[in-house]
Amino acid sequence: MKKIFMAVILTAIAIGAACTDISAKKSDDSSRIIALMQKYDDENGVEAMNINGFLLGIAKAAAKNEEGSEWIKYLDRMAIFSAEEAEAGLKEKFMNELYPILESYEKIMEMKDEEDSMSIWLKMKDEETISEMVIVADSDASVIMMCGKIPLSEMGKIVADQQ
């Protein structure tokens, strides 16, 4: 799972480092997450970016043969937020505002490793299609939000390949 997480982060950073204008077009909850990212974007130690449209097309082309990129073709939008370098109080405040929004998502996985924890939240379009996936790293107050039409069968293949 860490390989997928890192592939997503590295691809997004490489392609969209200059893109920090975050605007929302998806569901109300993804809009609320984007708005929360925007709220904290100008704070010290915070980095945020939104990748959609043209930049996402470039990312798809650039990551074509990279490990962990099998599912990127299903994405319409990706937003990344990191408060890793921010003060502890700001991280706590951000996370306290994020978790009420995530109540409308289904928590499918939680991983803990000593002081770090990471959780994955989903919203389904239908029984076979993931419409939104939110990956949250609590200790860093980091969030990766992916929106699109990701077939559940594809996700199963990716997880199986990582084991």
N, C-alpha and C. Protein backbone atom coordinates (compact mmCIF):
# COMPACT_ATOMS: atom_id res chain seq x y z
N MET A 1 0.82 -1.18 0.00
CA MET A 1 0.00 0.00 0.00
C MET A 1 0.87 1.26 0.00
N LYS A 2 1.99 1.19 0.70
CA LYS A 2 2.87 2.35 0.73
C LYS A 2 3.40 2.67 -0.66
N LYS A 3 3.61 1.63 -1.50
CA LYS A 3 4.09 1.86 -2.86
C LYS A 3 3.07 2.66 -3.66
N ILE A 4 1.80 2.31 -3.53
CA ILE A 4 0.74 3.03 -4.24
C ILE A 4 0.68 4.46 -3.74
N PHE A 5 0.70 4.61 -2.43
CA PHE A 5 0.64 5.94 -1.81
C PHE A 5 1.79 6.81 -2.31
N MET A 6 2.98 6.27 -2.33
CA MET A 6 4.15 7.04 -2.77
C MET A 6 4.09 7.32 -4.27
N ALA A 7 3.63 6.37 -5.08
CA ALA A 7 3.51 6.60 -6.51
C ALA A 7 2.55 7.74 -6.80
N VAL A 8 1.44 7.78 -6.08
CA VAL A 8 0.46 8.85 -6.25
C VAL A 8 1.08 10.19 -5.89
N ILE A 9 1.74 10.24 -4.76
CA ILE A 9 2.34 11.50 -4.30
C ILE A 9 3.42 11.97 -5.26
N LEU A 10 4.32 11.08 -5.66
CA LEU A 10 5.42 11.49 -6.54
C LEU A 10 4.92 11.95 -7.91
N THR A 11 3.94 11.24 -8.45
CA THR A 11 3.38 11.64 -9.74
C THR A 11 2.73 13.01 -9.64
N ALA A 12 1.94 13.19 -8.60
CA ALA A 12 1.25 14.47 -8.44
C ALA A 12 2.22 15.62 -8.23
N ILE A 13 3.23 15.40 -7.43
CA ILE A 13 4.21 16.46 -7.18
C ILE A 13 4.98 16.79 -8.44
N ALA A 14 5.39 15.78 -9.17
CA ALA A 14 6.18 16.01 -10.38
C ALA A 14 5.39 16.76 -11.45
N ILE A 15 4.12 16.45 -11.58
CA ILE A 15 3.31 17.04 -12.64
C ILE A 15 2.64 18.34 -12.21
N GLY A 16 2.19 18.41 -10.96
CA GLY A 16 1.37 19.55 -10.58
C GLY A 16 1.94 20.46 -9.53
N ALA A 17 3.23 20.50 -9.38
CA ALA A 17 3.83 21.30 -8.30
C ALA A 17 3.45 22.77 -8.37
N ALA A 18 3.23 23.29 -9.55
CA ALA A 18 2.92 24.71 -9.68
C ALA A 18 1.43 25.00 -9.55
N CYS A 19 0.63 23.98 -9.44
CA CYS A 19 -0.82 24.17 -9.43
C CYS A 19 -1.34 24.16 -8.00
N THR A 20 -1.71 25.33 -7.46
CA THR A 20 -2.26 25.39 -6.11
C THR A 20 -3.66 25.97 -6.09
N ASP A 21 -4.23 26.28 -7.23
CA ASP A 21 -5.60 26.78 -7.28
C ASP A 21 -6.54 25.60 -7.13
N ILE A 22 -7.20 25.54 -6.00
CA ILE A 22 -8.07 24.41 -5.73
C ILE A 22 -9.51 24.87 -5.88
N SER A 23 -10.22 24.25 -6.82
CA SER A 23 -11.63 24.57 -6.98
C SER A 23 -12.42 23.27 -7.03
N ALA A 24 -13.68 23.31 -6.65
CA ALA A 24 -14.46 22.08 -6.51
C ALA A 24 -15.50 21.95 -7.61
N LYS A 25 -15.66 20.72 -8.12
CA LYS A 25 -16.67 20.45 -9.12
C LYS A 25 -17.42 19.14 -8.83
N LYS A 26 -17.00 18.37 -7.87
CA LYS A 26 -17.58 17.06 -7.61
C LYS A 26 -18.70 17.13 -6.58
N SER A 27 -18.89 16.07 -5.81
CA SER A 27 -19.97 16.00 -4.83
C SER A 27 -19.82 17.06 -3.76
N ASP A 28 -20.88 17.25 -3.00
CA ASP A 28 -20.85 18.23 -1.92
C ASP A 28 -19.74 17.93 -0.93
N ASP A 29 -19.53 16.64 -0.59
CA ASP A 29 -18.51 16.30 0.38
C ASP A 29 -17.10 16.53 -0.16
N SER A 30 -16.87 16.18 -1.42
CA SER A 30 -15.55 16.45 -1.98
C SER A 30 -15.34 17.96 -2.07
N SER A 31 -16.41 18.71 -2.33
CA SER A 31 -16.31 20.17 -2.35
C SER A 31 -15.96 20.70 -0.97
N ARG A 32 -16.51 20.09 0.05
CA ARG A 32 -16.21 20.51 1.42
C ARG A 32 -14.76 20.19 1.77
N ILE A 33 -14.26 19.05 1.31
CA ILE A 33 -12.85 18.71 1.55
C ILE A 33 -11.95 19.70 0.83
N ILE A 34 -12.26 20.00 -0.43
CA ILE A 34 -11.48 20.97 -1.20
C ILE A 34 -11.51 22.34 -0.51
N ALA A 35 -12.69 22.76 -0.06
CA ALA A 35 -12.81 24.06 0.63
C ALA A 35 -11.97 24.07 1.91
N LEU A 36 -11.92 22.96 2.61
CA LEU A 36 -11.10 22.88 3.82
C LEU A 36 -9.62 22.98 3.46
N MET A 37 -9.21 22.33 2.39
CA MET A 37 -7.83 22.44 1.92
C MET A 37 -7.50 23.90 1.57
N GLN A 38 -8.43 24.55 0.89
CA GLN A 38 -8.24 25.97 0.53
C GLN A 38 -8.09 26.84 1.76
N LYS A 39 -8.88 26.57 2.76
CA LYS A 39 -8.87 27.36 3.99
C LYS A 39 -7.48 27.38 4.63
N TYR A 40 -6.78 26.26 4.57
CA TYR A 40 -5.48 26.15 5.22
C TYR A 40 -4.30 26.30 4.26
N ASP A 41 -4.55 26.44 2.99
CA ASP A 41 -3.50 26.45 1.97
C ASP A 41 -2.45 27.54 2.19
N ASP A 42 -2.83 28.69 2.70
CA ASP A 42 -1.89 29.80 2.87
C ASP A 42 -1.13 29.78 4.20
N GLU A 43 -1.39 28.79 5.02
CA GLU A 43 -0.72 28.69 6.32
C GLU A 43 0.72 28.21 6.16
N ASN A 44 1.58 28.60 7.09
CA ASN A 44 2.98 28.16 7.09
C ASN A 44 3.06 26.64 7.27
N GLY A 45 3.88 26.01 6.45
CA GLY A 45 4.09 24.57 6.55
C GLY A 45 3.06 23.74 5.82
N VAL A 46 2.17 24.38 5.07
CA VAL A 46 1.10 23.68 4.36
C VAL A 46 1.34 23.76 2.87
N GLU A 47 1.14 22.64 2.20
CA GLU A 47 1.21 22.58 0.73
C GLU A 47 -0.07 21.92 0.24
N ALA A 48 -0.65 22.48 -0.82
CA ALA A 48 -1.86 21.92 -1.40
C ALA A 48 -1.81 22.07 -2.90
N MET A 49 -2.38 21.11 -3.57
CA MET A 49 -2.48 21.20 -5.04
C MET A 49 -3.70 20.45 -5.52
N ASN A 50 -4.18 20.87 -6.65
CA ASN A 50 -5.32 20.26 -7.30
C ASN A 50 -4.89 19.87 -8.71
N ILE A 51 -5.18 18.65 -9.07
CA ILE A 51 -4.81 18.20 -10.41
C ILE A 51 -6.08 17.70 -11.10
N ASN A 52 -6.46 18.36 -12.16
CA ASN A 52 -7.58 17.90 -12.97
C ASN A 52 -7.37 18.39 -14.39
N GLY A 53 -8.28 18.06 -15.26
CA GLY A 53 -8.21 18.53 -16.63
C GLY A 53 -6.88 18.25 -17.31
N PHE A 54 -6.29 19.28 -17.83
CA PHE A 54 -5.06 19.17 -18.62
C PHE A 54 -3.92 18.55 -17.83
N LEU A 55 -3.71 19.03 -16.59
CA LEU A 55 -2.61 18.50 -15.78
C LEU A 55 -2.79 17.01 -15.47
N LEU A 56 -4.02 16.60 -15.23
CA LEU A 56 -4.25 15.19 -14.97
C LEU A 56 -3.98 14.36 -16.22
N GLY A 57 -4.30 14.90 -17.39
CA GLY A 57 -3.98 14.22 -18.65
C GLY A 57 -2.48 14.02 -18.82
N ILE A 58 -1.71 15.05 -18.47
CA ILE A 58 -0.25 14.93 -18.54
C ILE A 58 0.24 13.89 -17.53
N ALA A 59 -0.32 13.91 -16.33
CA ALA A 59 0.08 12.94 -15.30
C ALA A 59 -0.21 11.52 -15.76
N LYS A 60 -1.35 11.32 -16.40
CA LYS A 60 -1.70 9.98 -16.91
C LYS A 60 -0.68 9.52 -17.94
N ALA A 61 -0.29 10.42 -18.83
CA ALA A 61 0.69 10.07 -19.86
C ALA A 61 2.07 9.80 -19.25
N ALA A 62 2.46 10.63 -18.30
CA ALA A 62 3.79 10.50 -17.68
C ALA A 62 3.90 9.25 -16.83
N ALA A 63 2.82 8.83 -16.21
CA ALA A 63 2.86 7.69 -15.30
C ALA A 63 2.46 6.38 -15.97
N LYS A 64 2.33 6.40 -17.28
CA LYS A 64 1.80 5.26 -18.01
C LYS A 64 2.43 3.92 -17.63
N ASN A 65 3.74 3.84 -17.54
CA ASN A 65 4.39 2.57 -17.26
C ASN A 65 5.00 2.51 -15.86
N GLU A 66 4.65 3.46 -15.00
CA GLU A 66 5.19 3.48 -13.65
C GLU A 66 4.44 2.50 -12.75
N GLU A 67 5.15 1.96 -11.76
CA GLU A 67 4.54 1.06 -10.80
C GLU A 67 3.45 1.81 -10.03
N GLY A 68 2.30 1.18 -9.88
CA GLY A 68 1.20 1.79 -9.14
C GLY A 68 0.34 2.72 -9.96
N SER A 69 0.61 2.86 -11.26
CA SER A 69 -0.14 3.81 -12.08
C SER A 69 -1.29 3.16 -12.86
N GLU A 70 -1.56 1.90 -12.59
CA GLU A 70 -2.58 1.17 -13.35
C GLU A 70 -3.96 1.82 -13.26
N TRP A 71 -4.25 2.45 -12.16
CA TRP A 71 -5.59 2.98 -11.93
C TRP A 71 -5.72 4.47 -12.21
N ILE A 72 -4.63 5.16 -12.48
CA ILE A 72 -4.70 6.62 -12.67
C ILE A 72 -5.57 7.00 -13.87
N LYS A 73 -5.70 6.09 -14.83
CA LYS A 73 -6.52 6.38 -16.01
C LYS A 73 -8.00 6.56 -15.67
N TYR A 74 -8.41 6.12 -14.49
CA TYR A 74 -9.80 6.23 -14.08
C TYR A 74 -10.12 7.53 -13.35
N LEU A 75 -9.13 8.36 -13.11
CA LEU A 75 -9.33 9.56 -12.30
C LEU A 75 -9.74 10.78 -13.14
N ASP A 76 -10.63 11.59 -12.56
CA ASP A 76 -11.03 12.86 -13.15
C ASP A 76 -10.39 14.03 -12.40
N ARG A 77 -10.06 13.80 -11.14
CA ARG A 77 -9.52 14.86 -10.30
C ARG A 77 -8.73 14.24 -9.16
N MET A 78 -7.73 14.98 -8.74
CA MET A 78 -6.92 14.56 -7.61
C MET A 78 -6.51 15.82 -6.86
N ALA A 79 -6.65 15.79 -5.55
CA ALA A 79 -6.23 16.92 -4.72
C ALA A 79 -5.34 16.37 -3.61
N ILE A 80 -4.27 17.09 -3.34
CA ILE A 80 -3.30 16.67 -2.34
C ILE A 80 -3.07 17.81 -1.36
N PHE A 81 -3.08 17.47 -0.09
CA PHE A 81 -2.88 18.45 0.97
C PHE A 81 -1.89 17.87 1.97
N SER A 82 -0.91 18.66 2.37
CA SER A 82 0.04 18.21 3.39
C SER A 82 0.34 19.36 4.34
N ALA A 83 0.17 19.08 5.63
CA ALA A 83 0.53 20.03 6.68
C ALA A 83 1.68 19.46 7.50
N GLU A 84 2.47 18.62 6.87
CA GLU A 84 3.56 17.92 7.56
C GLU A 84 4.50 18.89 8.26
N GLU A 85 4.78 20.03 7.64
CA GLU A 85 5.72 21.01 8.20
C GLU A 85 5.03 22.06 9.07
N ALA A 86 3.72 21.96 9.24
CA ALA A 86 2.96 22.94 10.01
C ALA A 86 3.06 22.66 11.51
N GLU A 87 2.67 23.65 12.30
CA GLU A 87 2.66 23.50 13.75
C GLU A 87 1.60 22.48 14.16
N ALA A 88 1.84 21.83 15.30
CA ALA A 88 0.93 20.78 15.79
C ALA A 88 -0.49 21.28 15.97
N GLY A 89 -0.67 22.50 16.46
CA GLY A 89 -2.01 23.05 16.66
C GLY A 89 -2.78 23.19 15.36
N LEU A 90 -2.11 23.60 14.30
CA LEU A 90 -2.77 23.74 13.01
C LEU A 90 -3.15 22.37 12.46
N LYS A 91 -2.26 21.38 12.61
CA LYS A 91 -2.58 20.02 12.17
C LYS A 91 -3.83 19.49 12.88
N GLU A 92 -3.85 19.70 14.18
CA GLU A 92 -4.99 19.22 14.99
C GLU A 92 -6.28 19.91 14.56
N LYS A 93 -6.23 21.20 14.35
CA LYS A 93 -7.40 21.97 13.93
C LYS A 93 -7.92 21.47 12.58
N PHE A 94 -7.00 21.27 11.62
CA PHE A 94 -7.38 20.77 10.30
C PHE A 94 -8.05 19.40 10.42
N MET A 95 -7.42 18.49 11.17
CA MET A 95 -7.97 17.13 11.29
C MET A 95 -9.33 17.15 11.99
N ASN A 96 -9.50 18.02 12.98
CA ASN A 96 -10.79 18.13 13.67
C ASN A 96 -11.90 18.62 12.75
N GLU A 97 -11.55 19.37 11.72
CA GLU A 97 -12.54 19.81 10.74
C GLU A 97 -12.75 18.78 9.63
N LEU A 98 -11.72 17.98 9.35
CA LEU A 98 -11.82 16.98 8.28
C LEU A 98 -12.71 15.80 8.66
N TYR A 99 -12.53 15.27 9.86
CA TYR A 99 -13.23 14.04 10.22
C TYR A 99 -14.76 14.14 10.20
N PRO A 100 -15.37 15.25 10.57
CA PRO A 100 -16.83 15.33 10.41
C PRO A 100 -17.27 15.23 8.94
N ILE A 101 -16.47 15.74 8.03
CA ILE A 101 -16.80 15.62 6.60
C ILE A 101 -16.71 14.16 6.17
N LEU A 102 -15.71 13.45 6.69
CA LEU A 102 -15.50 12.05 6.30
C LEU A 102 -16.57 11.11 6.84
N GLU A 103 -17.44 11.58 7.72
CA GLU A 103 -18.50 10.72 8.25
C GLU A 103 -19.44 10.21 7.16
N SER A 104 -19.53 10.92 6.05
CA SER A 104 -20.40 10.49 4.95
C SER A 104 -19.70 9.49 4.01
N TYR A 105 -18.42 9.20 4.28
CA TYR A 105 -17.66 8.23 3.51
C TYR A 105 -17.61 6.92 4.29
N GLU A 106 -17.27 5.85 3.61
CA GLU A 106 -17.10 4.56 4.27
C GLU A 106 -15.61 4.33 4.52
N LYS A 107 -15.27 4.12 5.76
CA LYS A 107 -13.87 3.83 6.11
C LYS A 107 -13.62 2.36 5.80
N ILE A 108 -12.70 2.12 4.86
CA ILE A 108 -12.48 0.73 4.47
C ILE A 108 -11.19 0.14 5.03
N MET A 109 -10.28 1.01 5.46
CA MET A 109 -9.02 0.49 5.95
C MET A 109 -8.38 1.49 6.90
N GLU A 110 -7.74 0.96 7.92
CA GLU A 110 -6.96 1.79 8.83
C GLU A 110 -5.69 1.02 9.16
N MET A 111 -4.56 1.71 9.03
CA MET A 111 -3.27 1.09 9.30
C MET A 111 -2.55 1.92 10.35
N LYS A 112 -1.96 1.24 11.31
CA LYS A 112 -1.21 1.93 12.35
C LYS A 112 0.18 1.32 12.42
N ASP A 113 1.18 2.21 12.54
CA ASP A 113 2.57 1.79 12.61
C ASP A 113 3.25 2.70 13.62
N GLU A 114 3.42 2.21 14.83
CA GLU A 114 4.00 2.99 15.92
C GLU A 114 3.21 4.29 16.10
N GLU A 115 3.79 5.43 15.76
CA GLU A 115 3.12 6.72 15.96
C GLU A 115 2.29 7.15 14.75
N ASP A 116 2.47 6.52 13.62
CA ASP A 116 1.77 6.91 12.40
C ASP A 116 0.49 6.09 12.23
N SER A 117 -0.50 6.74 11.63
CA SER A 117 -1.71 6.01 11.23
C SER A 117 -2.21 6.59 9.91
N MET A 118 -2.81 5.72 9.13
CA MET A 118 -3.34 6.11 7.83
C MET A 118 -4.68 5.41 7.66
N SER A 119 -5.63 6.10 7.07
CA SER A 119 -6.93 5.50 6.82
C SER A 119 -7.35 5.81 5.38
N ILE A 120 -8.19 4.92 4.86
CA ILE A 120 -8.70 5.07 3.49
C ILE A 120 -10.22 5.06 3.58
N TRP A 121 -10.80 6.07 2.93
CA TRP A 121 -12.25 6.29 2.96
C TRP A 121 -12.77 6.26 1.52
N LEU A 122 -13.94 5.67 1.30
CA LEU A 122 -14.52 5.57 -0.04
C LEU A 122 -15.94 6.09 -0.09
N LYS A 123 -16.29 6.52 -1.28
CA LYS A 123 -17.67 6.78 -1.65
C LYS A 123 -17.90 6.02 -2.94
N MET A 124 -18.96 5.26 -2.98
CA MET A 124 -19.25 4.44 -4.14
C MET A 124 -20.29 5.12 -5.03
N LYS A 125 -20.06 5.04 -6.35
CA LYS A 125 -21.05 5.53 -7.32
C LYS A 125 -22.18 4.51 -7.42
N ASP A 126 -21.77 3.25 -7.48
CA ASP A 126 -22.70 2.12 -7.48
C ASP A 126 -21.94 0.94 -6.86
N GLU A 127 -22.49 -0.24 -6.94
CA GLU A 127 -21.86 -1.41 -6.29
C GLU A 127 -20.50 -1.77 -6.88
N GLU A 128 -20.22 -1.34 -8.08
CA GLU A 128 -18.99 -1.74 -8.78
C GLU A 128 -18.01 -0.61 -9.04
N THR A 129 -18.37 0.63 -8.67
CA THR A 129 -17.55 1.78 -9.04
C THR A 129 -17.29 2.71 -7.86
N ILE A 130 -16.02 2.98 -7.62
CA ILE A 130 -15.62 3.95 -6.59
C ILE A 130 -15.66 5.33 -7.23
N SER A 131 -16.36 6.26 -6.61
CA SER A 131 -16.41 7.62 -7.16
C SER A 131 -15.42 8.55 -6.46
N GLU A 132 -15.14 8.28 -5.19
CA GLU A 132 -14.19 9.10 -4.44
C GLU A 132 -13.40 8.23 -3.47
N MET A 133 -12.12 8.49 -3.38
CA MET A 133 -11.27 7.82 -2.42
C MET A 133 -10.45 8.89 -1.71
N VAL A 134 -10.44 8.83 -0.39
CA VAL A 134 -9.69 9.80 0.40
C VAL A 134 -8.73 9.03 1.29
N ILE A 135 -7.45 9.34 1.16
CA ILE A 135 -6.40 8.71 1.97
C ILE A 135 -5.92 9.77 2.95
N VAL A 136 -5.95 9.43 4.24
CA VAL A 136 -5.61 10.38 5.29
C VAL A 136 -4.46 9.83 6.13
N ALA A 137 -3.40 10.62 6.26
CA ALA A 137 -2.29 10.29 7.16
C ALA A 137 -2.40 11.24 8.35
N ASP A 138 -2.82 10.72 9.48
CA ASP A 138 -3.12 11.55 10.65
C ASP A 138 -1.92 12.33 11.17
N SER A 139 -0.79 11.68 11.38
CA SER A 139 0.35 12.34 12.02
C SER A 139 0.88 13.52 11.20
N ASP A 140 0.77 13.44 9.89
CA ASP A 140 1.24 14.52 9.02
C ASP A 140 0.13 15.49 8.63
N ALA A 141 -1.10 15.17 9.00
CA ALA A 141 -2.27 15.92 8.55
C ALA A 141 -2.21 16.05 7.03
N SER A 142 -2.05 14.89 6.37
CA SER A 142 -1.96 14.84 4.91
C SER A 142 -3.17 14.12 4.35
N VAL A 143 -3.65 14.61 3.20
CA VAL A 143 -4.83 14.04 2.56
C VAL A 143 -4.58 13.93 1.06
N ILE A 144 -4.95 12.80 0.51
CA ILE A 144 -4.99 12.64 -0.94
C ILE A 144 -6.42 12.28 -1.28
N MET A 145 -7.05 13.09 -2.11
CA MET A 145 -8.41 12.83 -2.54
C MET A 145 -8.39 12.54 -4.03
N MET A 146 -9.00 11.43 -4.41
CA MET A 146 -9.08 11.04 -5.82
C MET A 146 -10.54 10.86 -6.19
N CYS A 147 -10.94 11.46 -7.29
CA CYS A 147 -12.31 11.36 -7.77
C CYS A 147 -12.29 10.82 -9.19
N GLY A 148 -13.28 10.05 -9.53
CA GLY A 148 -13.37 9.50 -10.87
C GLY A 148 -14.34 8.34 -10.90
N LYS A 149 -14.07 7.40 -11.77
CA LYS A 149 -14.87 6.19 -11.89
C LYS A 149 -13.90 5.01 -11.85
N ILE A 150 -13.55 4.60 -10.65
CA ILE A 150 -12.56 3.54 -10.47
C ILE A 150 -13.30 2.22 -10.26
N PRO A 151 -13.15 1.28 -11.20
CA PRO A 151 -13.81 -0.01 -11.03
C PRO A 151 -13.28 -0.74 -9.79
N LEU A 152 -14.19 -1.24 -8.99
CA LEU A 152 -13.81 -1.97 -7.78
C LEU A 152 -12.92 -3.16 -8.13
N SER A 153 -13.17 -3.79 -9.27
CA SER A 153 -12.36 -4.94 -9.70
C SER A 153 -10.91 -4.54 -9.93
N GLU A 154 -10.69 -3.34 -10.45
CA GLU A 154 -9.31 -2.84 -10.67
C GLU A 154 -8.60 -2.64 -9.34
N MET A 155 -9.30 -2.07 -8.37
CA MET A 155 -8.72 -1.86 -7.06
C MET A 155 -8.33 -3.19 -6.44
N GLY A 156 -9.16 -4.20 -6.61
CA GLY A 156 -8.85 -5.53 -6.09
C GLY A 156 -7.57 -6.09 -6.70
N LYS A 157 -7.39 -5.88 -8.00
CA LYS A 157 -6.17 -6.35 -8.67
C LYS A 157 -4.94 -5.63 -8.14
N ILE A 158 -5.05 -4.34 -7.93
CA ILE A 158 -3.92 -3.55 -7.44
C ILE A 158 -3.50 -4.00 -6.05
N VAL A 159 -4.50 -4.21 -5.18
CA VAL A 159 -4.20 -4.66 -3.82
C VAL A 159 -3.57 -6.04 -3.85
N ALA A 160 -4.08 -6.93 -4.68
CA ALA A 160 -3.54 -8.29 -4.78
C ALA A 160 -2.09 -8.26 -5.28
N ASP A 161 -1.77 -7.38 -6.23
CA ASP A 161 -0.41 -7.27 -6.76
C ASP A 161 0.57 -6.75 -5.73
N GLN A 162 0.10 -5.97 -4.75
CA GLN A 162 0.97 -5.39 -3.74
C GLN A 162 1.30 -6.35 -2.61
N GLN A 163 0.59 -7.47 -2.52
CA GLN A 163 0.81 -8.42 -1.42
C GLN A 163 1.90 -9.40 -1.73
